[in-house]
Amino acid sequence: MKFPESAGSFRGSDGFPEADMAAGADQAISEERRRHELKTLHAAI
């Protein structure tokens, strides 16, 4: 799985205010990262 280097690259691109997008996008990305890290940890054990 690949993560974007910066969430800023897609913020506001579909017409939403950047501040609203920022909160949602950052939360979604951090949740995906956490899930990915958990899978990686379980695979390593």
PDB file of N, CA and C in Angstrom:
ATOM      1  N   MET A   1       0.848  -1.198   0.000  1.00  0.00           N
ATOM      2  CA  MET A   1       0.000   0.000   0.000  1.00  0.00           C
ATOM      3  C   MET A   1       0.883   1.248   0.000  1.00  0.00           C
ATOM      4  N   LYS A   2       0.478   2.227  -0.776  1.00  0.00           N
ATOM      5  CA  LYS A   2       1.260   3.470  -0.858  1.00  0.00           C
ATOM      6  C   LYS A   2       0.508   4.614  -0.206  1.00  0.00           C
ATOM      7  N   PHE A   3       1.234   5.442   0.507  1.00  0.00           N
ATOM      8  CA  PHE A   3       0.639   6.625   1.122  1.00  0.00           C
ATOM      9  C   PHE A   3       1.171   7.863   0.425  1.00  0.00           C
ATOM     10  N   PRO A   4       0.321   8.850   0.199  1.00  0.00           N
ATOM     11  CA  PRO A   4       0.811  10.089  -0.410  1.00  0.00           C
ATOM     12  C   PRO A   4       1.821  10.774   0.510  1.00  0.00           C
ATOM     13  N   GLU A   5       2.826  11.386  -0.086  1.00  0.00           N
ATOM     14  CA  GLU A   5       3.833  12.095   0.703  1.00  0.00           C
ATOM     15  C   GLU A   5       3.179  13.207   1.513  1.00  0.00           C
ATOM     16  N   SER A   6       2.234  13.895   0.887  1.00  0.00           N
ATOM     17  CA  SER A   6       1.576  15.013   1.557  1.00  0.00           C
ATOM     18  C   SER A   6       0.101  15.020   1.217  1.00  0.00           C
ATOM     19  N   ALA A   7      -0.733  15.084   2.234  1.00  0.00           N
ATOM     20  CA  ALA A   7      -2.174  15.123   2.001  1.00  0.00           C
ATOM     21  C   ALA A   7      -2.558  16.401   1.259  1.00  0.00           C
ATOM     22  N   GLY A   8      -1.726  17.425   1.335  1.00  0.00           N
ATOM     23  CA  GLY A   8      -2.027  18.709   0.717  1.00  0.00           C
ATOM     24  C   GLY A   8      -2.201  18.626  -0.791  1.00  0.00           C
ATOM     25  N   SER A   9      -1.664  17.577  -1.414  1.00  0.00           N
ATOM     26  CA  SER A   9      -1.737  17.498  -2.868  1.00  0.00           C
ATOM     27  C   SER A   9      -3.161  17.333  -3.368  1.00  0.00           C
ATOM     28  N   PHE A  10      -4.047  16.724  -2.575  1.00  0.00           N
ATOM     29  CA  PHE A  10      -5.425  16.565  -3.043  1.00  0.00           C
ATOM     30  C   PHE A  10      -6.438  17.386  -2.266  1.00  0.00           C
ATOM     31  N   ARG A  11      -6.007  18.153  -1.300  1.00  0.00           N
ATOM     32  CA  ARG A  11      -6.945  18.961  -0.519  1.00  0.00           C
ATOM     33  C   ARG A  11      -7.594  20.041  -1.363  1.00  0.00           C
ATOM     34  N   GLY A  12      -8.893  20.144  -1.237  1.00  0.00           N
ATOM     35  CA  GLY A  12      -9.595  21.231  -1.899  1.00  0.00           C
ATOM     36  C   GLY A  12      -9.743  21.050  -3.402  1.00  0.00           C
ATOM     37  N   SER A  13      -9.252  19.933  -3.951  1.00  0.00           N
ATOM     38  CA  SER A  13      -9.275  19.777  -5.403  1.00  0.00           C
ATOM     39  C   SER A  13     -10.672  19.523  -5.935  1.00  0.00           C
ATOM     40  N   ASP A  14     -11.583  19.003  -5.100  1.00  0.00           N
ATOM     41  CA  ASP A  14     -12.932  18.721  -5.592  1.00  0.00           C
ATOM     42  C   ASP A  14     -13.959  19.724  -5.076  1.00  0.00           C
ATOM     43  N   GLY A  15     -13.512  20.931  -4.738  1.00  0.00           N
ATOM     44  CA  GLY A  15     -14.450  21.991  -4.427  1.00  0.00           C
ATOM     45  C   GLY A  15     -14.774  22.170  -2.959  1.00  0.00           C
ATOM     46  N   PHE A  16     -14.278  21.304  -2.095  1.00  0.00           N
ATOM     47  CA  PHE A  16     -14.522  21.480  -0.668  1.00  0.00           C
ATOM     48  C   PHE A  16     -13.540  22.491  -0.099  1.00  0.00           C
ATOM     49  N   PRO A  17     -13.944  23.233   0.920  1.00  0.00           N
ATOM     50  CA  PRO A  17     -13.003  24.147   1.580  1.00  0.00           C
ATOM     51  C   PRO A  17     -11.814  23.367   2.135  1.00  0.00           C
ATOM     52  N   GLU A  18     -10.623  23.920   1.993  1.00  0.00           N
ATOM     53  CA  GLU A  18      -9.430  23.183   2.400  1.00  0.00           C
ATOM     54  C   GLU A  18      -9.457  22.796   3.870  1.00  0.00           C
ATOM     55  N   ALA A  19      -9.958  23.681   4.727  1.00  0.00           N
ATOM     56  CA  ALA A  19      -9.947  23.371   6.162  1.00  0.00           C
ATOM     57  C   ALA A  19     -10.794  22.132   6.456  1.00  0.00           C
ATOM     58  N   ASP A  20     -11.971  22.048   5.834  1.00  0.00           N
ATOM     59  CA  ASP A  20     -12.828  20.882   6.058  1.00  0.00           C
ATOM     60  C   ASP A  20     -12.176  19.619   5.515  1.00  0.00           C
ATOM     61  N   MET A  21     -11.620  19.722   4.320  1.00  0.00           N
ATOM     62  CA  MET A  21     -10.960  18.577   3.713  1.00  0.00           C
ATOM     63  C   MET A  21      -9.776  18.133   4.556  1.00  0.00           C
ATOM     64  N   ALA A  22      -9.024  19.100   5.076  1.00  0.00           N
ATOM     65  CA  ALA A  22      -7.816  18.777   5.825  1.00  0.00           C
ATOM     66  C   ALA A  22      -8.135  17.884   7.009  1.00  0.00           C
ATOM     67  N   ALA A  23      -9.147  18.248   7.775  1.00  0.00           N
ATOM     68  CA  ALA A  23      -9.480  17.467   8.964  1.00  0.00           C
ATOM     69  C   ALA A  23      -9.870  16.044   8.576  1.00  0.00           C
ATOM     70  N   GLY A  24     -10.753  15.899   7.600  1.00  0.00           N
ATOM     71  CA  GLY A  24     -11.206  14.574   7.190  1.00  0.00           C
ATOM     72  C   GLY A  24     -10.098  13.752   6.555  1.00  0.00           C
ATOM     73  N   ALA A  25      -9.321  14.385   5.685  1.00  0.00           N
ATOM     74  CA  ALA A  25      -8.281  13.658   4.968  1.00  0.00           C
ATOM     75  C   ALA A  25      -7.188  13.197   5.923  1.00  0.00           C
ATOM     76  N   ASP A  26      -6.757  14.076   6.814  1.00  0.00           N
ATOM     77  CA  ASP A  26      -5.706  13.696   7.755  1.00  0.00           C
ATOM     78  C   ASP A  26      -6.164  12.548   8.635  1.00  0.00           C
ATOM     79  N   GLN A  27      -7.419  12.586   9.063  1.00  0.00           N
ATOM     80  CA  GLN A  27      -7.925  11.524   9.922  1.00  0.00           C
ATOM     81  C   GLN A  27      -7.969  10.207   9.157  1.00  0.00           C
ATOM     82  N   ALA A  28      -8.458  10.239   7.934  1.00  0.00           N
ATOM     83  CA  ALA A  28      -8.555   9.019   7.134  1.00  0.00           C
ATOM     84  C   ALA A  28      -7.170   8.439   6.876  1.00  0.00           C
ATOM     85  N   ILE A  29      -6.214   9.298   6.559  1.00  0.00           N
ATOM     86  CA  ILE A  29      -4.867   8.822   6.261  1.00  0.00           C
ATOM     87  C   ILE A  29      -4.234   8.212   7.502  1.00  0.00           C
ATOM     88  N   SER A  30      -4.398   8.862   8.660  1.00  0.00           N
ATOM     89  CA  SER A  30      -3.784   8.313   9.866  1.00  0.00           C
ATOM     90  C   SER A  30      -4.428   6.980  10.237  1.00  0.00           C
ATOM     91  N   GLU A  31      -5.733   6.827  10.011  1.00  0.00           N
ATOM     92  CA  GLU A  31      -6.385   5.548  10.298  1.00  0.00           C
ATOM     93  C   GLU A  31      -5.857   4.461   9.368  1.00  0.00           C
ATOM     94  N   GLU A  32      -5.698   4.776   8.090  1.00  0.00           N
ATOM     95  CA  GLU A  32      -5.156   3.800   7.142  1.00  0.00           C
ATOM     96  C   GLU A  32      -3.734   3.425   7.531  1.00  0.00           C
ATOM     97  N   ARG A  33      -2.923   4.410   7.912  1.00  0.00           N
ATOM     98  CA  ARG A  33      -1.545   4.132   8.322  1.00  0.00           C
ATOM     99  C   ARG A  33      -1.521   3.199   9.517  1.00  0.00           C
ATOM    100  N   ARG A  34      -2.389   3.498  10.511  1.00  0.00           N
ATOM    101  CA  ARG A  34      -2.420   2.682  11.726  1.00  0.00           C
ATOM    102  C   ARG A  34      -2.789   1.244  11.371  1.00  0.00           C
ATOM    103  N   ARG A  35      -3.806   1.085  10.511  1.00  0.00           N
ATOM    104  CA  ARG A  35      -4.229  -0.255  10.108  1.00  0.00           C
ATOM    105  C   ARG A  35      -3.086  -0.981   9.410  1.00  0.00           C
ATOM    106  N   HIS A  36      -2.407  -0.272   8.508  1.00  0.00           N
ATOM    107  CA  HIS A  36      -1.302  -0.855   7.755  1.00  0.00           C
ATOM    108  C   HIS A  36      -0.166  -1.254   8.703  1.00  0.00           C
ATOM    109  N   GLU A  37       0.151  -0.389   9.670  1.00  0.00           N
ATOM    110  CA  GLU A  37       1.225  -0.696  10.616  1.00  0.00           C
ATOM    111  C   GLU A  37       0.865  -1.901  11.470  1.00  0.00           C
ATOM    112  N   LEU A  38      -0.396  -2.007  11.886  1.00  0.00           N
ATOM    113  CA  LEU A  38      -0.818  -3.161  12.674  1.00  0.00           C
ATOM    114  C   LEU A  38      -0.652  -4.441  11.870  1.00  0.00           C
ATOM    115  N   LYS A  39      -1.067  -4.426  10.607  1.00  0.00           N
ATOM    116  CA  LYS A  39      -0.916  -5.613   9.757  1.00  0.00           C
ATOM    117  C   LYS A  39       0.557  -5.974   9.630  1.00  0.00           C
ATOM    118  N   THR A  40       1.398  -4.967   9.435  1.00  0.00           N
ATOM    119  CA  THR A  40       2.833  -5.210   9.285  1.00  0.00           C
ATOM    120  C   THR A  40       3.410  -5.811  10.558  1.00  0.00           C
ATOM    121  N   LEU A  41       2.989  -5.286  11.708  1.00  0.00           N
ATOM    122  CA  LEU A  41       3.459  -5.822  12.983  1.00  0.00           C
ATOM    123  C   LEU A  41       3.048  -7.277  13.147  1.00  0.00           C
ATOM    124  N   HIS A  42       1.782  -7.576  12.879  1.00  0.00           N
ATOM    125  CA  HIS A  42       1.299  -8.947  13.043  1.00  0.00           C
ATOM    126  C   HIS A  42       2.028  -9.888  12.094  1.00  0.00           C
ATOM    127  N   ALA A  43       2.325  -9.424  10.891  1.00  0.00           N
ATOM    128  CA  ALA A  43       3.031 -10.262   9.928  1.00  0.00           C
ATOM    129  C   ALA A  43       4.455 -10.539  10.396  1.00  0.00           C
ATOM    130  N   ALA A  44       5.062  -9.576  11.083  1.00  0.00           N
ATOM    131  CA  ALA A  44       6.452  -9.721  11.515  1.00  0.00           C
ATOM    132  C   ALA A  44       6.593 -10.660  12.705  1.00  0.00           C
ATOM    133  N   ILE A  45       5.528 -10.789  13.492  1.00  0.00           N
ATOM    134  CA  ILE A  45       5.626 -11.592  14.717  1.00  0.00           C
ATOM    135  C   ILE A  45       5.595 -13.076  14.398  1.00  0.00           C
TER     136      ILE A  45
END
